[in-house]
């Protein structure tokens, strides 16, 4: 695999500095690397870390490939009974990387749906430990995990509608109620950790400095329980949702009627035209203009949200 070279992208103004006369920074984005996903085997469980902190762990082909390998490694290791999935730096994942370049080779790359189904189908329990942003594909990745622990600074949301996109994977209706799912998907607002707890998007909210410890304690407890029963109970719950159409919903783009309705919608977004013609800061201003009032956490993180 021949990784691409360094890139420069217009990135985000540091948090708290907007409106204070500071100019947006140009930050060098590291090229795709074998360390974009980290794997650490611990006693009874594995810790998998999305490791592109400069872009808030925005999901590109490199993360998808390496996360697939890490999940495979955890599944075949009999000493690993559970998995903790987290993100390096100040975010779990800001979603799909809309500025990602294609891979430099013809090696297969799993889709986001492939990765989510990989977690869903894996017999071993997967715990998401979320701090900061978990929006767009990051929201759905955390939602597919068997349990989700959120730091008190976590922010969730199905923000794709701000770009004119549908959800990458239709997971929210299976986690929340009907009206809550419609609110998430149709408004594209950001959800605080406490609101996520109320909606059923997460299991627990904990102080940020306790996040990994709480998630790892759960992994240790799961590892100490009878494994056949842990795995069969996961399968039983999953089967209930599969009878309700989980797999068909996750692959909703395979439905010819929905595919016809969605055809061409990505090209309709005026915000992406602004991104191409005027750059990242103009794109963010255009995309988030509707959310400036009434949403204290209106702005979407750079390089993600899809």
Protein backbone atom coordinates (compact mmCIF):
# COMPACT_ATOMS: atom_id res chain seq x y z
CA UNK A 1 0.00 0.00 0.00
CA UNK A 2 1.48 3.33 -1.05
CA UNK A 3 0.14 6.01 1.27
CA UNK A 4 -0.42 9.45 -0.18
CA UNK A 5 1.82 12.36 0.74
CA UNK A 6 1.18 15.22 3.18
CA UNK A 7 -1.71 17.58 2.52
CA UNK A 8 -2.63 21.08 3.63
CA UNK A 9 -6.27 21.88 4.35
CA UNK A 10 -8.05 24.90 5.75
CA UNK A 11 -9.00 23.71 9.19
CA UNK A 12 -11.06 24.98 12.07
CA UNK A 13 -10.44 28.03 14.26
CA UNK A 14 -9.48 26.94 17.75
CA UNK A 15 -12.47 26.49 20.02
CA UNK A 16 -13.37 29.64 21.89
CA UNK A 17 -11.51 31.94 19.48
CA UNK A 18 -14.22 32.58 16.89
CA UNK A 19 -15.32 36.15 16.75
CA UNK A 20 -12.14 37.27 18.52
CA UNK A 21 -10.22 38.40 15.46
CA UNK A 22 -8.12 35.28 15.09
CA UNK A 23 -7.53 33.89 11.62
CA UNK A 24 -8.23 30.29 10.64
CA UNK A 25 -5.15 28.11 10.89
CA UNK A 26 -3.62 26.04 8.12
CA UNK A 27 -2.70 22.72 9.67
CA UNK A 28 -0.74 19.99 7.94
CA UNK A 29 -2.80 16.83 7.80
CA UNK A 30 -0.65 13.72 8.30
CA UNK A 31 -0.82 11.22 5.42
CA UNK A 32 -2.64 7.91 5.91
CA UNK A 33 -0.64 5.75 8.24
CA UNK A 34 -0.62 2.27 9.82
CA UNK A 35 -1.19 4.11 13.12
CA UNK A 36 -4.54 5.59 12.03
CA UNK A 37 -6.07 2.84 14.18
CA UNK A 38 -4.27 1.59 17.28
CA UNK A 39 -4.74 -1.87 18.78
CA UNK A 40 -3.77 -2.74 22.33
CA UNK A 41 -4.42 -6.09 23.93
CA UNK A 42 -5.15 -5.87 27.63
CA UNK A 43 -6.12 -8.42 30.25
CA UNK A 44 -9.30 -10.00 28.93
CA UNK A 45 -10.17 -7.30 26.40
CA UNK A 46 -8.76 -5.16 23.59
CA UNK A 47 -8.62 -1.38 23.30
CA UNK A 48 -9.05 -0.07 19.74
CA UNK A 49 -8.41 3.63 19.15
CA UNK A 50 -9.27 5.74 16.10
CA UNK A 51 -6.10 7.79 15.77
CA UNK A 52 -6.49 10.80 13.45
CA UNK A 53 -6.82 13.42 16.20
CA UNK A 54 -5.80 16.35 13.96
CA UNK A 55 -9.09 15.93 12.04
CA UNK A 56 -11.06 14.74 15.08
CA UNK A 57 -10.81 11.14 13.83
CA UNK A 58 -12.78 11.85 10.66
CA UNK A 59 -13.39 8.53 8.92
CA UNK A 60 -11.55 7.91 5.65
CA UNK A 61 -10.49 4.80 3.73
CA UNK A 62 -7.44 4.33 5.97
CA UNK A 63 -9.49 4.17 9.16
CA UNK A 64 -12.03 1.84 7.55
CA UNK A 65 -9.35 -0.60 6.40
CA UNK A 66 -7.39 -0.59 9.64
CA UNK A 67 -10.45 -0.75 11.87
CA UNK A 68 -11.57 -3.83 9.95
CA UNK A 69 -8.18 -5.46 10.57
CA UNK A 70 -8.29 -4.55 14.28
CA UNK A 71 -11.78 -6.04 14.70
CA UNK A 72 -10.61 -9.22 12.95
CA UNK A 73 -7.62 -9.41 15.29
CA UNK A 74 -9.83 -9.07 18.36
CA UNK A 75 -12.35 -11.64 17.19
CA UNK A 76 -9.85 -14.44 16.51
CA UNK A 77 -7.94 -13.94 19.78
CA UNK A 78 -9.47 -16.25 22.39
CA UNK A 79 -7.91 -14.18 25.17
CA UNK A 80 -9.93 -11.14 24.09
CA UNK A 81 -13.45 -11.39 25.49
CA UNK A 82 -14.59 -7.79 24.90
CA UNK A 83 -13.55 -4.67 22.98
CA UNK A 84 -13.42 -1.00 23.92
CA UNK A 85 -13.57 1.37 20.91
CA UNK A 86 -12.56 4.99 21.43
CA UNK A 87 -10.98 7.98 19.71
CA UNK A 88 -7.64 9.71 20.28
CA UNK A 89 -7.59 13.34 21.33
CA UNK A 90 -10.71 15.37 21.95
CA UNK A 91 -13.23 13.45 19.81
CA UNK A 92 -14.58 9.97 19.16
CA UNK A 93 -15.17 10.77 15.48
CA UNK A 94 -16.40 13.86 13.65
CA UNK A 95 -17.92 11.66 10.92
CA UNK A 96 -16.99 10.97 7.33
CA UNK A 97 -14.01 12.90 6.00
CA UNK A 98 -15.55 14.94 3.16
CA UNK A 99 -12.10 16.12 2.05
CA UNK A 100 -10.53 12.67 1.94
CA UNK A 101 -8.69 11.67 -1.23
CA UNK A 102 -9.13 8.17 -2.71
CA UNK A 103 -6.73 5.39 -1.73
CA UNK A 104 -3.60 5.15 -3.90
CA UNK A 105 -4.15 1.46 -4.69
CA UNK A 106 -6.84 -1.03 -5.68
CA UNK A 107 -6.96 -2.84 -2.35
CA UNK A 108 -10.52 -3.40 -1.13
CA UNK A 109 -11.90 -0.90 1.36
CA UNK A 110 -14.86 -1.83 3.58
CA UNK A 111 -17.73 0.63 3.63
CA UNK A 112 -19.06 2.22 6.79
CA UNK A 113 -22.00 -0.18 6.62
CA UNK A 114 -19.53 -3.09 6.40
CA UNK A 115 -17.78 -1.92 9.57
CA UNK A 116 -21.03 -1.42 11.46
CA UNK A 117 -22.25 -4.87 10.46
CA UNK A 118 -18.86 -6.26 11.46
CA UNK A 119 -19.46 -4.96 14.99
CA UNK A 120 -23.09 -6.10 14.93
CA UNK A 121 -22.21 -9.64 13.82
CA UNK A 122 -19.20 -10.06 16.09
CA UNK A 123 -20.03 -12.43 18.97
CA UNK A 124 -17.89 -10.44 21.38
CA UNK A 125 -19.34 -7.29 22.98
CA UNK A 126 -18.04 -3.91 21.80
CA UNK A 127 -18.18 -0.85 24.07
CA UNK A 128 -17.87 2.66 22.61
CA UNK A 129 -16.11 5.18 24.87
CA UNK A 130 -17.09 8.59 23.50
CA UNK A 131 -15.63 11.97 24.30
CA UNK A 132 -16.23 15.10 22.25
CA UNK A 133 -17.80 14.74 18.83
CA UNK A 134 -19.60 11.58 17.72
CA UNK A 135 -21.53 12.96 14.76
CA UNK A 136 -22.51 11.65 11.32
CA UNK A 137 -20.75 8.34 10.78
CA UNK A 138 -19.22 8.74 14.25
CA UNK A 139 -22.72 8.89 15.76
CA UNK A 140 -23.70 5.73 13.92
CA UNK A 141 -20.48 3.88 14.75
CA UNK A 142 -20.98 4.58 18.46
CA UNK A 143 -24.65 3.62 18.14
CA UNK A 144 -23.89 0.23 16.60
CA UNK A 145 -21.65 -0.76 19.50
CA UNK A 146 -23.33 -2.93 22.12
CA UNK A 147 -22.90 -0.32 24.84
CA UNK A 148 -21.96 3.35 24.65
CA UNK A 149 -20.37 5.27 27.51
CA UNK A 150 -20.23 9.04 27.02
CA UNK A 151 -18.04 11.63 28.66
CA UNK A 152 -19.97 14.65 29.88
CA UNK A 153 -18.55 16.71 26.99
CA UNK A 154 -19.75 14.28 24.30
CA UNK A 155 -21.80 15.64 21.39
CA UNK A 156 -23.90 13.40 19.15
CA UNK A 157 -25.95 14.11 16.04
CA UNK A 158 -27.13 13.00 12.62
CA UNK A 159 -25.81 16.13 10.88
CA UNK A 160 -25.84 14.91 7.29
CA UNK A 161 -28.96 16.88 6.39
CA UNK A 162 -26.88 20.07 6.71
CA UNK A 163 -24.97 18.83 3.66
CA UNK A 164 -28.09 17.66 1.87
CA UNK A 165 -27.24 13.99 2.50
CA UNK A 166 -29.25 11.14 3.96
CA UNK A 167 -27.84 9.15 6.88
CA UNK A 168 -24.89 6.90 5.98
CA UNK A 169 -26.51 4.12 8.01
CA UNK A 170 -30.04 4.06 9.41
CA UNK A 171 -29.26 3.19 13.01
CA UNK A 172 -31.03 5.92 15.03
CA UNK A 173 -34.60 4.55 14.64
CA UNK A 174 -33.47 1.34 16.32
CA UNK A 175 -31.86 3.12 19.27
CA UNK A 176 -34.41 5.84 19.99
CA UNK A 177 -38.17 6.16 19.60
CA UNK A 178 -39.99 7.04 16.38
CA UNK A 179 -40.42 10.75 17.06
CA UNK A 180 -36.93 11.13 18.51
CA UNK A 181 -35.42 9.46 15.43
CA UNK A 182 -37.33 11.81 13.13
CA UNK A 183 -36.13 14.80 15.14
CA UNK A 184 -32.51 13.61 14.94
CA UNK A 185 -32.63 12.91 11.20
CA UNK A 186 -34.85 15.75 9.99
CA UNK A 187 -33.40 18.63 12.01
CA UNK A 188 -29.71 17.73 12.10
CA UNK A 189 -29.13 19.29 15.50
CA UNK A 190 -26.38 18.39 17.89
CA UNK A 191 -27.24 16.45 21.04
CA UNK A 192 -25.49 16.86 24.38
CA UNK A 193 -24.41 13.86 26.42
CA UNK A 194 -27.27 14.24 28.91
CA UNK A 195 -29.81 14.56 26.10
CA UNK A 196 -28.28 11.50 24.45
CA UNK A 197 -28.80 9.61 27.71
CA UNK A 198 -32.46 10.68 27.82
CA UNK A 199 -32.96 9.56 24.21
CA UNK A 200 -31.34 6.17 24.80
CA UNK A 201 -28.34 6.86 22.56
CA UNK A 202 -25.92 6.07 25.41
CA UNK A 203 -25.89 3.85 28.49
CA UNK A 204 -24.10 6.17 30.89
CA UNK A 205 -22.63 9.67 31.12
CA UNK A 206 -19.47 10.01 33.21
CA UNK A 207 -16.88 12.73 33.89
CA UNK A 208 -14.35 12.97 31.07
CA UNK A 209 -11.42 11.89 33.20
CA UNK A 210 -13.28 8.70 34.15
CA UNK A 211 -14.40 7.70 30.64
CA UNK A 212 -11.87 5.02 29.78
CA UNK A 213 -11.78 3.63 33.30
CA UNK A 214 -15.56 3.11 33.30
CA UNK A 215 -15.55 1.57 29.80
CA UNK A 216 -12.65 -0.72 30.69
CA UNK A 217 -14.33 -1.78 33.94
CA UNK A 218 -17.36 -2.84 31.88
CA UNK A 219 -15.09 -4.76 29.51
CA UNK A 220 -13.44 -6.55 32.44
CA UNK A 221 -16.83 -7.45 33.89
CA UNK A 222 -18.01 -8.80 30.53
CA UNK A 223 -14.77 -10.78 30.21
CA UNK A 224 -15.34 -12.38 33.63
CA UNK A 225 -18.89 -13.57 32.87
CA UNK A 226 -19.74 -16.90 31.17
CA UNK A 227 -18.77 -16.21 27.56
CA UNK A 228 -21.31 -18.44 25.83
CA UNK A 229 -24.10 -16.68 27.69
CA UNK A 230 -22.72 -13.18 27.04
CA UNK A 231 -22.44 -13.94 23.34
CA UNK A 232 -25.80 -15.69 23.05
CA UNK A 233 -27.53 -12.81 24.85
CA UNK A 234 -26.00 -10.36 22.38
CA UNK A 235 -27.22 -12.55 19.54
CA UNK A 236 -30.75 -12.78 20.99
CA UNK A 237 -31.10 -9.01 21.31
CA UNK A 238 -29.69 -8.51 17.81
CA UNK A 239 -32.06 -11.11 16.39
CA UNK A 240 -35.05 -9.24 17.84
CA UNK A 241 -34.00 -6.12 15.91
CA UNK A 242 -33.23 -8.10 12.78
CA UNK A 243 -36.79 -9.45 12.79
CA UNK A 244 -37.86 -5.80 12.92
CA UNK A 245 -35.82 -5.11 9.77
CA UNK A 246 -32.50 -3.86 11.12
CA UNK A 247 -30.38 -5.21 8.27
CA UNK A 248 -32.72 -3.91 5.57
CA UNK A 249 -32.79 -0.48 7.23
CA UNK A 250 -29.00 -0.34 7.51
CA UNK A 251 -28.80 -1.03 3.76
CA UNK A 252 -31.70 1.24 2.86
CA UNK A 253 -29.95 2.46 -0.30
CA UNK A 254 -30.42 -1.03 -1.77
CA UNK A 255 -34.18 -0.39 -1.95
CA UNK A 256 -34.86 0.68 -5.58
CA UNK A 257 -37.60 3.12 -4.55
CA UNK A 258 -35.42 4.87 -2.00
CA UNK A 259 -32.42 4.83 -4.34
CA UNK A 260 -34.52 6.54 -7.03
CA UNK A 261 -35.72 9.16 -4.55
CA UNK A 262 -32.16 9.87 -3.37
CA UNK A 263 -30.60 9.93 -6.84
CA UNK A 264 -28.70 13.16 -7.38
CA UNK A 265 -29.32 14.60 -3.91
CA UNK A 266 -25.60 14.90 -3.12
CA UNK A 267 -25.14 17.17 -6.09
CA UNK A 268 -27.96 19.46 -4.96
CA UNK A 269 -26.14 20.85 -1.93
CA UNK A 270 -25.23 24.52 -2.43
CA UNK A 271 -22.90 24.23 0.56
CA UNK A 272 -20.57 21.83 -1.23
CA UNK A 273 -20.37 24.30 -4.12
CA UNK A 274 -19.30 26.94 -1.59
CA UNK A 275 -16.64 24.53 -0.29
CA UNK A 276 -15.22 24.02 -3.79
CA UNK A 277 -15.29 27.70 -4.74
CA UNK A 278 -14.68 29.63 -1.50
CA UNK A 279 -13.00 27.26 0.92
CA UNK A 280 -13.68 25.64 4.26
CA UNK A 281 -14.59 28.60 6.46
CA UNK A 282 -17.09 29.92 3.91
CA UNK A 283 -18.53 26.39 3.65
CA UNK A 284 -19.03 26.15 7.41
CA UNK A 285 -20.68 29.58 7.54
CA UNK A 286 -23.04 28.64 4.71
CA UNK A 287 -23.90 25.20 6.07
CA UNK A 288 -24.51 26.24 9.68
CA UNK A 289 -26.28 29.56 9.10
CA UNK A 290 -29.70 28.08 9.93
CA UNK A 291 -28.39 26.79 13.28
CA UNK A 292 -26.84 29.99 14.59
CA UNK A 293 -29.77 30.80 16.87
CA UNK A 294 -31.33 28.43 19.36
CA UNK A 295 -28.56 25.83 19.16
CA UNK A 296 -25.70 26.62 21.49
CA UNK A 297 -23.58 23.92 19.88
CA UNK A 298 -24.49 24.73 16.30
CA UNK A 299 -21.18 24.48 14.50
CA UNK A 300 -20.15 21.18 13.00
CA UNK A 301 -16.52 20.04 13.41
CA UNK A 302 -14.20 20.44 10.47
CA UNK A 303 -13.62 17.53 8.07
CA UNK A 304 -16.61 15.59 9.35
CA UNK A 305 -20.27 15.55 10.15
CA UNK A 306 -21.20 13.15 7.34
